[in-house]
Amino acid sequence: MVRAALIVLVISVAASCQAQNIDWQEVFPIRKHDFGTVAVAAKTEFRFPVKNNTDRPIHIRTVRASCGCTTPIVESSTIGPDDTSYIRARFNTDTFKGKRGANLTVVIDRPVYTEVRLRVDGYIRSDMVFHPGAVEFENVSSGEPTTKTVKVLYAGRKNWQINKIESPLNWLITHFTEVSRGRGRVDYEVSVAIGDDAPTGFFQDELIVHTNDSEMPRVPLRVSGEISAPLTISPGVIALGSLRLGQAISKKLVVLGKSPFVIESISADGWKVDASLGTAAKKTHILQPDFTATGEATGPRKNDLVIKASGDNSITATALITADISSE
């Protein structure tokens, strides 16, 4: 009984020591962020990554902010081994002005109690307003012309002006127009369009509005959104495993569209693909094609499966086929 208790005690002490030896600098690789100069009511956030590189879950009990100018938001309070979560620092530009900063104290109670301090700083200028506070594209279909507009309202110098808008993404096309000027006020309208070559997926970045203000010429404008393909195949990677030349294998595929469509063809280089294609137009098609490796080449293969939908605006979707082909 005593020996068993001693073993449990040794294990507990070892686990505690292991937890206390956590390198919190690696768990919190970024601890400071400067927002720079931002406009009134601009949507301004920064995500501090929390990377759990241990073999135990990390639990965040709470996060305290030293100033109301910043609101901390924990995206996931429990972070499993090898997972990553984020602590969002939201700069409250609608209620605070001038130079602001805050310490964010992250309180962790598992696997061991500790406190980690994060820091944010910035300057909220009161003479410039974005309305709305960010450019937000929600769910945009790839290739669909989409434009958002934001008003820039300035009160101050008579000769104030926007010189240019810098876009970090070459497929985000910006344009600005002066709408009015007089009595110490200048109003602009900024339009942001998504180009045809925009990749699919979620994006978030900042446009930089350059003005002739000598002290604070650069002002960030947050832009975010999600671009989805008009036609998708699930799964995106079709793993067929080990096959012999001439051997057929069946896989279930789901083809999704933004609007009802008819599948015109399904093909892949190096493969014979047999599938029953319906004639009814619908948003979801469930297929069970047979894949047969053709040709003489053996070994690992990676080929694109291409599904084409018929109609006035013909669209295609691709998925990747992987397999290991043998001669016998």
C-alpha atoms as a PDB file:
ATOM      1  CA  MET A   1       0.000   0.000   0.000  1.00  0.00           C
ATOM      2  CA  VAL A   2       2.789   2.413   0.988  1.00  0.00           C
ATOM      3  CA  ARG A   3       4.806   1.475  -2.104  1.00  0.00           C
ATOM      4  CA  ALA A   4       1.809   2.110  -4.352  1.00  0.00           C
ATOM      5  CA  ALA A   5       1.220   5.488  -2.732  1.00  0.00           C
ATOM      6  CA  LEU A   6       4.881   6.388  -3.250  1.00  0.00           C
ATOM      7  CA  ILE A   7       4.637   5.444  -6.942  1.00  0.00           C
ATOM      8  CA  VAL A   8       1.562   7.642  -7.383  1.00  0.00           C
ATOM      9  CA  LEU A   9       3.335  10.489  -5.584  1.00  0.00           C
ATOM     10  CA  VAL A  10       6.425  10.163  -7.809  1.00  0.00           C
ATOM     11  CA  ILE A  11       4.268  10.166 -10.950  1.00  0.00           C
ATOM     12  CA  SER A  12       2.331  13.223  -9.746  1.00  0.00           C
ATOM     13  CA  VAL A  13       5.508  15.124  -8.909  1.00  0.00           C
ATOM     14  CA  ALA A  14       7.035  14.223 -12.283  1.00  0.00           C
ATOM     15  CA  ALA A  15       3.921  15.378 -14.139  1.00  0.00           C
ATOM     16  CA  SER A  16       3.877  18.607 -12.136  1.00  0.00           C
ATOM     17  CA  CYS A  17       7.527  19.289 -12.931  1.00  0.00           C
ATOM     18  CA  GLN A  18       6.907  18.578 -16.595  1.00  0.00           C
ATOM     19  CA  ALA A  19       4.019  21.060 -16.640  1.00  0.00           C
ATOM     20  CA  GLN A  20       6.088  23.703 -14.844  1.00  0.00           C
ATOM     21  CA  ASN A  21       8.817  23.326 -17.468  1.00  0.00           C
ATOM     22  CA  ILE A  22       6.493  24.546 -20.238  1.00  0.00           C
ATOM     23  CA  ASP A  23       8.151  27.157 -22.451  1.00  0.00           C
ATOM     24  CA  TRP A  24       5.443  29.831 -22.378  1.00  0.00           C
ATOM     25  CA  GLN A  25       7.395  31.914 -24.882  1.00  0.00           C
ATOM     26  CA  GLU A  26       6.712  29.190 -27.461  1.00  0.00           C
ATOM     27  CA  VAL A  27       3.065  28.875 -26.399  1.00  0.00           C
ATOM     28  CA  PHE A  28       2.636  32.658 -26.829  1.00  0.00           C
ATOM     29  CA  PRO A  29       5.046  33.451 -29.697  1.00  0.00           C
ATOM     30  CA  ILE A  30       3.599  36.976 -30.160  1.00  0.00           C
ATOM     31  CA  ARG A  31       3.106  39.129 -27.071  1.00  0.00           C
ATOM     32  CA  LYS A  32       2.978  42.685 -28.429  1.00  0.00           C
ATOM     33  CA  HIS A  33       1.053  44.387 -31.216  1.00  0.00           C
ATOM     34  CA  ASP A  34       0.927  48.001 -32.325  1.00  0.00           C
ATOM     35  CA  PHE A  35      -2.220  48.935 -34.257  1.00  0.00           C
ATOM     36  CA  GLY A  36      -0.537  52.142 -35.415  1.00  0.00           C
ATOM     37  CA  THR A  37      -2.861  54.983 -36.355  1.00  0.00           C
ATOM     38  CA  VAL A  38      -6.503  54.020 -36.867  1.00  0.00           C
ATOM     39  CA  ALA A  39      -9.667  55.962 -37.640  1.00  0.00           C
ATOM     40  CA  VAL A  40     -12.667  56.480 -35.390  1.00  0.00           C
ATOM     41  CA  ALA A  41     -15.117  53.543 -35.499  1.00  0.00           C
ATOM     42  CA  ALA A  42     -12.719  51.414 -37.561  1.00  0.00           C
ATOM     43  CA  LYS A  43     -13.053  47.692 -36.852  1.00  0.00           C
ATOM     44  CA  THR A  44      -9.632  46.967 -35.435  1.00  0.00           C
ATOM     45  CA  GLU A  45      -8.620  43.566 -34.060  1.00  0.00           C
ATOM     46  CA  PHE A  46      -5.484  41.477 -33.646  1.00  0.00           C
ATOM     47  CA  ARG A  47      -5.359  37.728 -32.973  1.00  0.00           C
ATOM     48  CA  PHE A  48      -2.643  36.562 -30.573  1.00  0.00           C
ATOM     49  CA  PRO A  49      -1.904  32.866 -31.300  1.00  0.00           C
ATOM     50  CA  VAL A  50      -1.796  30.360 -28.427  1.00  0.00           C
ATOM     51  CA  LYS A  51       0.058  27.232 -29.562  1.00  0.00           C
ATOM     52  CA  ASN A  52      -0.117  24.180 -27.320  1.00  0.00           C
ATOM     53  CA  ASN A  53       3.101  22.308 -28.066  1.00  0.00           C
ATOM     54  CA  THR A  54       2.753  20.140 -24.938  1.00  0.00           C
ATOM     55  CA  ASP A  55       1.154  16.739 -24.406  1.00  0.00           C
ATOM     56  CA  ARG A  56      -1.523  18.135 -22.054  1.00  0.00           C
ATOM     57  CA  PRO A  57      -4.556  20.383 -22.566  1.00  0.00           C
ATOM     58  CA  ILE A  58      -4.086  24.057 -21.709  1.00  0.00           C
ATOM     59  CA  HIS A  59      -7.046  25.821 -20.142  1.00  0.00           C
ATOM     60  CA  ILE A  60      -7.442  29.602 -20.118  1.00  0.00           C
ATOM     61  CA  ARG A  61      -9.502  30.651 -17.103  1.00  0.00           C
ATOM     62  CA  THR A  62      -9.851  34.326 -18.012  1.00  0.00           C
ATOM     63  CA  VAL A  63      -8.172  37.328 -19.633  1.00  0.00           C
ATOM     64  CA  ARG A  64      -8.054  40.688 -17.827  1.00  0.00           C
ATOM     65  CA  ALA A  65      -7.633  43.997 -19.658  1.00  0.00           C
ATOM     66  CA  SER A  66      -6.007  46.962 -17.910  1.00  0.00           C
ATOM     67  CA  CYS A  67      -7.961  49.464 -20.022  1.00  0.00           C
ATOM     68  CA  GLY A  68     -11.479  49.549 -21.422  1.00  0.00           C
ATOM     69  CA  CYS A  69     -10.032  50.641 -24.756  1.00  0.00           C
ATOM     70  CA  THR A  70      -9.351  46.962 -25.525  1.00  0.00           C
ATOM     71  CA  THR A  71     -11.703  43.994 -25.222  1.00  0.00           C
ATOM     72  CA  PRO A  72     -10.102  40.530 -25.073  1.00  0.00           C
ATOM     73  CA  ILE A  73     -11.979  37.607 -26.658  1.00  0.00           C
ATOM     74  CA  VAL A  74     -10.875  33.989 -26.123  1.00  0.00           C
ATOM     75  CA  GLU A  75     -11.756  31.935 -29.187  1.00  0.00           C
ATOM     76  CA  SER A  76     -11.317  28.595 -27.372  1.00  0.00           C
ATOM     77  CA  SER A  77     -10.621  28.342 -23.649  1.00  0.00           C
ATOM     78  CA  THR A  78      -9.419  24.718 -23.836  1.00  0.00           C
ATOM     79  CA  ILE A  79      -6.553  24.008 -26.238  1.00  0.00           C
ATOM     80  CA  GLY A  80      -5.639  20.385 -26.878  1.00  0.00           C
ATOM     81  CA  PRO A  81      -2.096  19.109 -27.510  1.00  0.00           C
ATOM     82  CA  ASP A  82      -0.683  20.325 -30.851  1.00  0.00           C
ATOM     83  CA  ASP A  83      -3.709  22.608 -31.338  1.00  0.00           C
ATOM     84  CA  THR A  84      -3.768  26.394 -31.733  1.00  0.00           C
ATOM     85  CA  SER A  85      -6.298  28.892 -30.450  1.00  0.00           C
ATOM     86  CA  TYR A  86      -6.352  32.680 -30.505  1.00  0.00           C
ATOM     87  CA  ILE A  87      -6.971  35.561 -28.145  1.00  0.00           C
ATOM     88  CA  ARG A  88      -8.507  38.452 -30.061  1.00  0.00           C
ATOM     89  CA  ALA A  89      -7.696  41.967 -28.914  1.00  0.00           C
ATOM     90  CA  ARG A  90     -10.460  44.309 -30.091  1.00  0.00           C
ATOM     91  CA  PHE A  91      -9.516  47.987 -30.066  1.00  0.00           C
ATOM     92  CA  ASN A  92     -12.615  49.986 -29.077  1.00  0.00           C
ATOM     93  CA  THR A  93     -12.204  52.808 -31.571  1.00  0.00           C
ATOM     94  CA  ASP A  94     -15.834  53.917 -31.311  1.00  0.00           C
ATOM     95  CA  THR A  95     -15.597  54.993 -27.665  1.00  0.00           C
ATOM     96  CA  PHE A  96     -11.926  55.959 -27.148  1.00  0.00           C
ATOM     97  CA  LYS A  97      -9.698  58.545 -28.814  1.00  0.00           C
ATOM     98  CA  GLY A  98      -6.015  59.449 -28.863  1.00  0.00           C
ATOM     99  CA  LYS A  99      -3.065  57.328 -27.800  1.00  0.00           C
ATOM    100  CA  ARG A 100      -4.264  54.163 -26.076  1.00  0.00           C
ATOM    101  CA  GLY A 101      -2.802  50.896 -24.854  1.00  0.00           C
ATOM    102  CA  ALA A 102      -3.633  47.963 -22.643  1.00  0.00           C
ATOM    103  CA  ASN A 103      -2.046  45.012 -20.906  1.00  0.00           C
ATOM    104  CA  LEU A 104      -3.956  41.754 -21.361  1.00  0.00           C
ATOM    105  CA  THR A 105      -3.261  39.327 -18.530  1.00  0.00           C
ATOM    106  CA  VAL A 106      -3.982  35.744 -19.585  1.00  0.00           C
ATOM    107  CA  VAL A 107      -4.742  33.532 -16.562  1.00  0.00           C
ATOM    108  CA  ILE A 108      -4.073  29.819 -17.156  1.00  0.00           C
ATOM    109  CA  ASP A 109      -5.099  27.239 -14.549  1.00  0.00           C
ATOM    110  CA  ARG A 110      -4.230  23.974 -16.346  1.00  0.00           C
ATOM    111  CA  PRO A 111      -1.924  22.090 -16.621  1.00  0.00           C
ATOM    112  CA  VAL A 112      -0.309  24.504 -14.172  1.00  0.00           C
ATOM    113  CA  TYR A 113      -1.258  27.946 -12.909  1.00  0.00           C
ATOM    114  CA  THR A 114       0.501  30.822 -14.627  1.00  0.00           C
ATOM    115  CA  GLU A 115      -0.158  34.316 -15.936  1.00  0.00           C
ATOM    116  CA  VAL A 116       1.058  35.652 -19.290  1.00  0.00           C
ATOM    117  CA  ARG A 117       0.954  39.322 -20.221  1.00  0.00           C
ATOM    118  CA  LEU A 118       0.141  40.561 -23.727  1.00  0.00           C
ATOM    119  CA  ARG A 119       0.334  44.185 -24.856  1.00  0.00           C
ATOM    120  CA  VAL A 120      -1.489  46.285 -27.469  1.00  0.00           C
ATOM    121  CA  ASP A 121      -0.981  49.942 -28.382  1.00  0.00           C
ATOM    122  CA  GLY A 122      -2.376  52.353 -30.934  1.00  0.00           C
ATOM    123  CA  TYR A 123      -3.504  55.852 -31.740  1.00  0.00           C
ATOM    124  CA  ILE A 124      -7.181  56.513 -32.491  1.00  0.00           C
ATOM    125  CA  ARG A 125      -7.466  59.731 -34.471  1.00  0.00           C
ATOM    126  CA  SER A 126     -10.630  61.735 -33.900  1.00  0.00           C
ATOM    127  CA  ASP A 127     -10.608  63.693 -37.180  1.00  0.00           C
ATOM    128  CA  MET A 128     -11.140  60.744 -39.531  1.00  0.00           C
ATOM    129  CA  VAL A 129     -14.011  58.260 -39.637  1.00  0.00           C
ATOM    130  CA  PHE A 130     -14.683  55.135 -41.721  1.00  0.00           C
ATOM    131  CA  HIS A 131     -18.366  54.308 -42.263  1.00  0.00           C
ATOM    132  CA  PRO A 132     -18.821  51.394 -41.983  1.00  0.00           C
ATOM    133  CA  GLY A 133     -15.710  50.585 -39.970  1.00  0.00           C
ATOM    134  CA  ALA A 134     -14.466  47.826 -42.304  1.00  0.00           C
ATOM    135  CA  VAL A 135     -14.908  46.376 -45.778  1.00  0.00           C
ATOM    136  CA  GLU A 136     -16.655  43.047 -45.277  1.00  0.00           C
ATOM    137  CA  PHE A 137     -17.423  40.627 -48.099  1.00  0.00           C
ATOM    138  CA  GLU A 138     -19.520  37.805 -46.734  1.00  0.00           C
ATOM    139  CA  ASN A 139     -19.954  34.741 -48.961  1.00  0.00           C
ATOM    140  CA  VAL A 140     -18.955  35.721 -52.497  1.00  0.00           C
ATOM    141  CA  SER A 141     -18.992  33.295 -55.427  1.00  0.00           C
ATOM    142  CA  SER A 142     -15.742  33.079 -57.356  1.00  0.00           C
ATOM    143  CA  GLY A 143     -15.873  35.134 -60.546  1.00  0.00           C
ATOM    144  CA  GLU A 144     -19.005  37.015 -59.439  1.00  0.00           C
ATOM    145  CA  PRO A 145     -18.581  40.815 -59.757  1.00  0.00           C
ATOM    146  CA  THR A 146     -18.821  42.189 -56.208  1.00  0.00           C
ATOM    147  CA  THR A 147     -18.084  45.695 -54.925  1.00  0.00           C
ATOM    148  CA  LYS A 148     -18.323  47.235 -51.461  1.00  0.00           C
ATOM    149  CA  THR A 149     -18.144  50.932 -50.587  1.00  0.00           C
ATOM    150  CA  VAL A 150     -16.971  52.777 -47.494  1.00  0.00           C
ATOM    151  CA  LYS A 151     -17.303  56.488 -46.710  1.00  0.00           C
ATOM    152  CA  VAL A 152     -14.270  58.352 -45.377  1.00  0.00           C
ATOM    153  CA  LEU A 153     -15.309  61.420 -43.378  1.00  0.00           C
ATOM    154  CA  TYR A 154     -12.686  63.981 -42.341  1.00  0.00           C
ATOM    155  CA  ALA A 155     -12.940  67.179 -40.275  1.00  0.00           C
ATOM    156  CA  GLY A 156      -9.902  69.423 -40.015  1.00  0.00           C
ATOM    157  CA  ARG A 157      -7.498  70.980 -42.513  1.00  0.00           C
ATOM    158  CA  LYS A 158      -9.041  72.490 -45.649  1.00  0.00           C
ATOM    159  CA  ASN A 159      -6.419  70.995 -47.972  1.00  0.00           C
ATOM    160  CA  TRP A 160      -6.614  67.434 -46.564  1.00  0.00           C
ATOM    161  CA  GLN A 161      -6.878  64.730 -49.200  1.00  0.00           C
ATOM    162  CA  ILE A 162      -6.418  61.037 -49.947  1.00  0.00           C
ATOM    163  CA  ASN A 163      -3.446  60.442 -52.229  1.00  0.00           C
ATOM    164  CA  LYS A 164      -3.780  56.706 -52.854  1.00  0.00           C
ATOM    165  CA  ILE A 165      -5.021  53.431 -51.386  1.00  0.00           C
ATOM    166  CA  GLU A 166      -2.566  50.569 -51.119  1.00  0.00           C
ATOM    167  CA  SER A 167      -3.928  47.039 -51.476  1.00  0.00           C
ATOM    168  CA  PRO A 168      -1.884  44.078 -50.175  1.00  0.00           C
ATOM    169  CA  LEU A 169      -3.756  41.705 -52.505  1.00  0.00           C
ATOM    170  CA  ASN A 170      -3.442  42.310 -56.241  1.00  0.00           C
ATOM    171  CA  TRP A 171      -6.977  40.991 -56.867  1.00  0.00           C
ATOM    172  CA  LEU A 172      -8.543  43.578 -54.541  1.00  0.00           C
ATOM    173  CA  ILE A 173      -9.202  46.590 -56.773  1.00  0.00           C
ATOM    174  CA  THR A 174      -9.671  49.943 -55.043  1.00  0.00           C
ATOM    175  CA  HIS A 175     -10.954  53.311 -56.235  1.00  0.00           C
ATOM    176  CA  PHE A 176     -11.678  56.527 -54.343  1.00  0.00           C
ATOM    177  CA  THR A 177     -13.721  59.612 -55.221  1.00  0.00           C
ATOM    178  CA  GLU A 178     -13.995  62.951 -53.455  1.00  0.00           C
ATOM    179  CA  VAL A 179     -17.692  63.525 -52.767  1.00  0.00           C
ATOM    180  CA  SER A 180     -17.712  66.919 -51.047  1.00  0.00           C
ATOM    181  CA  ARG A 181     -15.415  69.569 -49.551  1.00  0.00           C
ATOM    182  CA  GLY A 182     -16.228  72.669 -47.525  1.00  0.00           C
ATOM    183  CA  ARG A 183     -16.429  74.249 -44.060  1.00  0.00           C
ATOM    184  CA  GLY A 184     -13.534  72.166 -42.775  1.00  0.00           C
ATOM    185  CA  ARG A 185     -15.040  68.876 -43.887  1.00  0.00           C
ATOM    186  CA  VAL A 186     -13.950  66.492 -46.634  1.00  0.00           C
ATOM    187  CA  ASP A 187     -15.909  63.387 -47.629  1.00  0.00           C
ATOM    188  CA  TYR A 188     -14.639  60.561 -49.814  1.00  0.00           C
ATOM    189  CA  GLU A 189     -16.172  57.352 -51.072  1.00  0.00           C
ATOM    190  CA  VAL A 190     -13.922  54.314 -51.377  1.00  0.00           C
ATOM    191  CA  SER A 191     -14.967  51.328 -53.480  1.00  0.00           C
ATOM    192  CA  VAL A 192     -13.330  47.900 -53.210  1.00  0.00           C
ATOM    193  CA  ALA A 193     -13.954  45.209 -55.819  1.00  0.00           C
ATOM    194  CA  ILE A 194     -12.921  41.547 -55.954  1.00  0.00           C
ATOM    195  CA  GLY A 195     -11.174  40.642 -59.217  1.00  0.00           C
ATOM    196  CA  ASP A 196     -11.903  37.575 -61.331  1.00  0.00           C
ATOM    197  CA  ASP A 197      -8.541  36.048 -60.377  1.00  0.00           C
ATOM    198  CA  ALA A 198      -9.289  36.005 -56.632  1.00  0.00           C
ATOM    199  CA  PRO A 199      -8.551  32.624 -55.011  1.00  0.00           C
ATOM    200  CA  THR A 200     -11.239  30.780 -53.098  1.00  0.00           C
ATOM    201  CA  GLY A 201     -11.208  30.666 -49.311  1.00  0.00           C
ATOM    202  CA  PHE A 202     -11.268  33.090 -46.364  1.00  0.00           C
ATOM    203  CA  PHE A 203      -9.147  36.238 -46.425  1.00  0.00           C
ATOM    204  CA  GLN A 204      -8.447  39.038 -43.978  1.00  0.00           C
ATOM    205  CA  ASP A 205      -6.030  41.919 -44.456  1.00  0.00           C
ATOM    206  CA  GLU A 206      -5.733  45.700 -44.361  1.00  0.00           C
ATOM    207  CA  LEU A 207      -5.951  48.352 -47.035  1.00  0.00           C
ATOM    208  CA  ILE A 208      -3.701  51.342 -46.340  1.00  0.00           C
ATOM    209  CA  VAL A 209      -5.248  54.754 -46.966  1.00  0.00           C
ATOM    210  CA  HIS A 210      -2.452  57.245 -47.760  1.00  0.00           C
ATOM    211  CA  THR A 211      -3.245  60.904 -47.068  1.00  0.00           C
ATOM    212  CA  ASN A 212      -1.280  64.160 -47.231  1.00  0.00           C
ATOM    213  CA  ASP A 213      -1.209  64.334 -43.437  1.00  0.00           C
ATOM    214  CA  SER A 214       2.466  64.828 -42.577  1.00  0.00           C
ATOM    215  CA  GLU A 215       2.232  63.348 -39.076  1.00  0.00           C
ATOM    216  CA  MET A 216      -0.093  60.362 -39.676  1.00  0.00           C
ATOM    217  CA  PRO A 217      -0.222  59.723 -43.429  1.00  0.00           C
ATOM    218  CA  ARG A 218      -1.059  55.989 -43.304  1.00  0.00           C
ATOM    219  CA  VAL A 219      -4.398  54.743 -41.943  1.00  0.00           C
ATOM    220  CA  PRO A 220      -5.382  51.039 -42.127  1.00  0.00           C
ATOM    221  CA  LEU A 221      -8.813  49.917 -43.292  1.00  0.00           C
ATOM    222  CA  ARG A 222      -9.678  46.325 -42.466  1.00  0.00           C
ATOM    223  CA  VAL A 223     -10.955  44.125 -45.311  1.00  0.00           C
ATOM    224  CA  SER A 224     -12.170  40.533 -45.004  1.00  0.00           C
ATOM    225  CA  GLY A 225     -14.431  37.994 -46.640  1.00  0.00           C
ATOM    226  CA  GLU A 226     -14.870  34.501 -48.000  1.00  0.00           C
ATOM    227  CA  ILE A 227     -14.796  33.506 -51.656  1.00  0.00           C
ATOM    228  CA  SER A 228     -16.423  30.206 -52.539  1.00  0.00           C
ATOM    229  CA  ALA A 229     -16.223  28.237 -55.763  1.00  0.00           C
ATOM    230  CA  PRO A 230     -19.514  28.018 -57.745  1.00  0.00           C
ATOM    231  CA  LEU A 231     -18.965  24.250 -58.003  1.00  0.00           C
ATOM    232  CA  THR A 232     -17.174  21.994 -55.497  1.00  0.00           C
ATOM    233  CA  ILE A 233     -16.343  18.295 -55.177  1.00  0.00           C
ATOM    234  CA  SER A 234     -16.257  16.503 -51.836  1.00  0.00           C
ATOM    235  CA  PRO A 235     -13.898  14.994 -50.886  1.00  0.00           C
ATOM    236  CA  GLY A 236     -11.333  17.271 -52.456  1.00  0.00           C
ATOM    237  CA  VAL A 237      -8.728  14.507 -52.357  1.00  0.00           C
ATOM    238  CA  ILE A 238      -9.878  11.097 -53.634  1.00  0.00           C
ATOM    239  CA  ALA A 239      -7.493   8.519 -52.143  1.00  0.00           C
ATOM    240  CA  LEU A 240      -7.818   5.214 -54.014  1.00  0.00           C
ATOM    241  CA  GLY A 241      -4.976   3.389 -52.253  1.00  0.00           C
ATOM    242  CA  SER A 242      -3.109   0.533 -53.947  1.00  0.00           C
ATOM    243  CA  LEU A 243      -4.513  -0.677 -57.284  1.00  0.00           C
ATOM    244  CA  ARG A 244      -3.518  -2.875 -60.194  1.00  0.00           C
ATOM    245  CA  LEU A 245      -3.637  -1.665 -63.773  1.00  0.00           C
ATOM    246  CA  GLY A 246      -7.120  -2.363 -65.104  1.00  0.00           C
ATOM    247  CA  GLN A 247      -8.622  -2.790 -61.616  1.00  0.00           C
ATOM    248  CA  ALA A 248     -11.778  -0.744 -60.946  1.00  0.00           C
ATOM    249  CA  ILE A 249     -12.622   0.829 -57.604  1.00  0.00           C
ATOM    250  CA  SER A 250     -15.723   2.772 -56.617  1.00  0.00           C
ATOM    251  CA  LYS A 251     -15.811   5.985 -54.576  1.00  0.00           C
ATOM    252  CA  LYS A 252     -18.677   8.193 -53.420  1.00  0.00           C
ATOM    253  CA  LEU A 253     -18.517  11.852 -54.476  1.00  0.00           C
ATOM    254  CA  VAL A 254     -20.770  14.806 -53.653  1.00  0.00           C
ATOM    255  CA  VAL A 255     -20.846  17.682 -56.141  1.00  0.00           C
ATOM    256  CA  LEU A 256     -22.311  20.954 -54.834  1.00  0.00           C
ATOM    257  CA  GLY A 257     -23.307  24.055 -56.786  1.00  0.00           C
ATOM    258  CA  LYS A 258     -24.537  27.540 -55.918  1.00  0.00           C
ATOM    259  CA  SER A 259     -27.502  27.033 -58.237  1.00  0.00           C
ATOM    260  CA  PRO A 260     -29.109  23.973 -59.908  1.00  0.00           C
ATOM    261  CA  PHE A 261     -26.905  22.409 -62.581  1.00  0.00           C
ATOM    262  CA  VAL A 262     -26.532  19.322 -64.780  1.00  0.00           C
ATOM    263  CA  ILE A 263     -23.250  17.409 -64.899  1.00  0.00           C
ATOM    264  CA  GLU A 264     -22.055  17.275 -68.487  1.00  0.00           C
ATOM    265  CA  SER A 265     -18.868  15.237 -68.057  1.00  0.00           C
ATOM    266  CA  ILE A 266     -16.453  13.703 -65.555  1.00  0.00           C
ATOM    267  CA  SER A 267     -12.882  12.839 -66.563  1.00  0.00           C
ATOM    268  CA  ALA A 268      -9.300  12.432 -65.401  1.00  0.00           C
ATOM    269  CA  ASP A 269      -6.032  11.893 -67.264  1.00  0.00           C
ATOM    270  CA  GLY A 270      -4.751   8.339 -66.778  1.00  0.00           C
ATOM    271  CA  TRP A 271      -8.124   7.061 -65.600  1.00  0.00           C
ATOM    272  CA  LYS A 272     -11.276   5.619 -67.045  1.00  0.00           C
ATOM    273  CA  VAL A 273     -14.134   7.096 -65.038  1.00  0.00           C
ATOM    274  CA  ASP A 274     -17.560   5.473 -65.342  1.00  0.00           C
ATOM    275  CA  ALA A 275     -20.433   7.283 -63.655  1.00  0.00           C
ATOM    276  CA  SER A 276     -24.185   7.470 -64.003  1.00  0.00           C
ATOM    277  CA  LEU A 277     -25.006  11.116 -64.706  1.00  0.00           C
ATOM    278  CA  GLY A 278     -28.571  12.291 -64.268  1.00  0.00           C
ATOM    279  CA  THR A 279     -30.329  14.797 -66.499  1.00  0.00           C
ATOM    280  CA  ALA A 280     -32.165  16.726 -63.782  1.00  0.00           C
ATOM    281  CA  ALA A 281     -30.756  20.111 -62.733  1.00  0.00           C
ATOM    282  CA  LYS A 282     -30.156  20.319 -58.971  1.00  0.00           C
ATOM    283  CA  LYS A 283     -27.762  21.894 -56.493  1.00  0.00           C
ATOM    284  CA  THR A 284     -26.462  18.583 -55.083  1.00  0.00           C
ATOM    285  CA  HIS A 285     -25.391  15.550 -57.113  1.00  0.00           C
ATOM    286  CA  ILE A 286     -24.308  12.330 -55.384  1.00  0.00           C
ATOM    287  CA  LEU A 287     -22.137  10.132 -57.621  1.00  0.00           C
ATOM    288  CA  GLN A 288     -20.596   6.679 -57.227  1.00  0.00           C
ATOM    289  CA  PRO A 289     -18.088   6.519 -60.116  1.00  0.00           C
ATOM    290  CA  ASP A 290     -15.813   3.578 -60.899  1.00  0.00           C
ATOM    291  CA  PHE A 291     -12.148   4.494 -61.353  1.00  0.00           C
ATOM    292  CA  THR A 292      -9.907   2.258 -63.501  1.00  0.00           C
ATOM    293  CA  ALA A 293      -6.218   3.050 -63.982  1.00  0.00           C
ATOM    294  CA  THR A 294      -5.265   3.142 -67.685  1.00  0.00           C
ATOM    295  CA  GLY A 295      -1.960   3.227 -69.529  1.00  0.00           C
ATOM    296  CA  GLU A 296       1.212   1.359 -68.604  1.00  0.00           C
ATOM    297  CA  ALA A 297       2.821   3.583 -65.973  1.00  0.00           C
ATOM    298  CA  THR A 298       3.050   2.145 -62.464  1.00  0.00           C
ATOM    299  CA  GLY A 299       3.916   3.675 -59.132  1.00  0.00           C
ATOM    300  CA  PRO A 300       2.419   6.684 -57.326  1.00  0.00           C
ATOM    301  CA  ARG A 301      -0.075   8.770 -59.289  1.00  0.00           C
ATOM    302  CA  LYS A 302      -1.618  12.186 -58.744  1.00  0.00           C
ATOM    303  CA  ASN A 303      -4.173  13.348 -61.281  1.00  0.00           C
ATOM    304  CA  ASP A 304      -6.905  15.970 -61.434  1.00  0.00           C
ATOM    305  CA  LEU A 305     -10.505  14.823 -61.668  1.00  0.00           C
ATOM    306  CA  VAL A 306     -12.495  17.386 -63.652  1.00  0.00           C
ATOM    307  CA  ILE A 307     -16.282  17.672 -63.463  1.00  0.00           C
ATOM    308  CA  LYS A 308     -17.941  19.996 -65.936  1.00  0.00           C
ATOM    309  CA  ALA A 309     -21.437  21.389 -65.528  1.00  0.00           C
ATOM    310  CA  SER A 310     -23.460  22.271 -68.602  1.00  0.00           C
ATOM    311  CA  GLY A 311     -25.371  25.475 -69.185  1.00  0.00           C
ATOM    312  CA  ASP A 312     -24.960  28.973 -70.565  1.00  0.00           C
ATOM    313  CA  ASN A 313     -22.227  29.682 -68.013  1.00  0.00           C
ATOM    314  CA  SER A 314     -20.279  26.435 -68.096  1.00  0.00           C
ATOM    315  CA  ILE A 315     -18.350  25.856 -64.859  1.00  0.00           C
ATOM    316  CA  THR A 316     -15.921  23.185 -63.738  1.00  0.00           C
ATOM    317  CA  ALA A 317     -14.663  21.792 -60.450  1.00  0.00           C
ATOM    318  CA  THR A 318     -11.535  19.762 -59.743  1.00  0.00           C
ATOM    319  CA  ALA A 319     -10.459  17.230 -57.134  1.00  0.00           C
ATOM    320  CA  LEU A 320      -7.185  15.359 -56.738  1.00  0.00           C
ATOM    321  CA  ILE A 321      -6.932  11.593 -57.324  1.00  0.00           C
ATOM    322  CA  THR A 322      -4.104   9.792 -55.531  1.00  0.00           C
ATOM    323  CA  ALA A 323      -3.201   6.123 -55.946  1.00  0.00           C
ATOM    324  CA  ASP A 324      -0.323   3.663 -56.022  1.00  0.00           C
ATOM    325  CA  ILE A 325      -0.483   1.586 -59.235  1.00  0.00           C
ATOM    326  CA  SER A 326       1.098  -1.841 -59.674  1.00  0.00           C
ATOM    327  CA  SER A 327       1.250  -4.141 -62.723  1.00  0.00           C
ATOM    328  CA  GLU A 328      -0.045  -7.196 -60.830  1.00  0.00           C
END
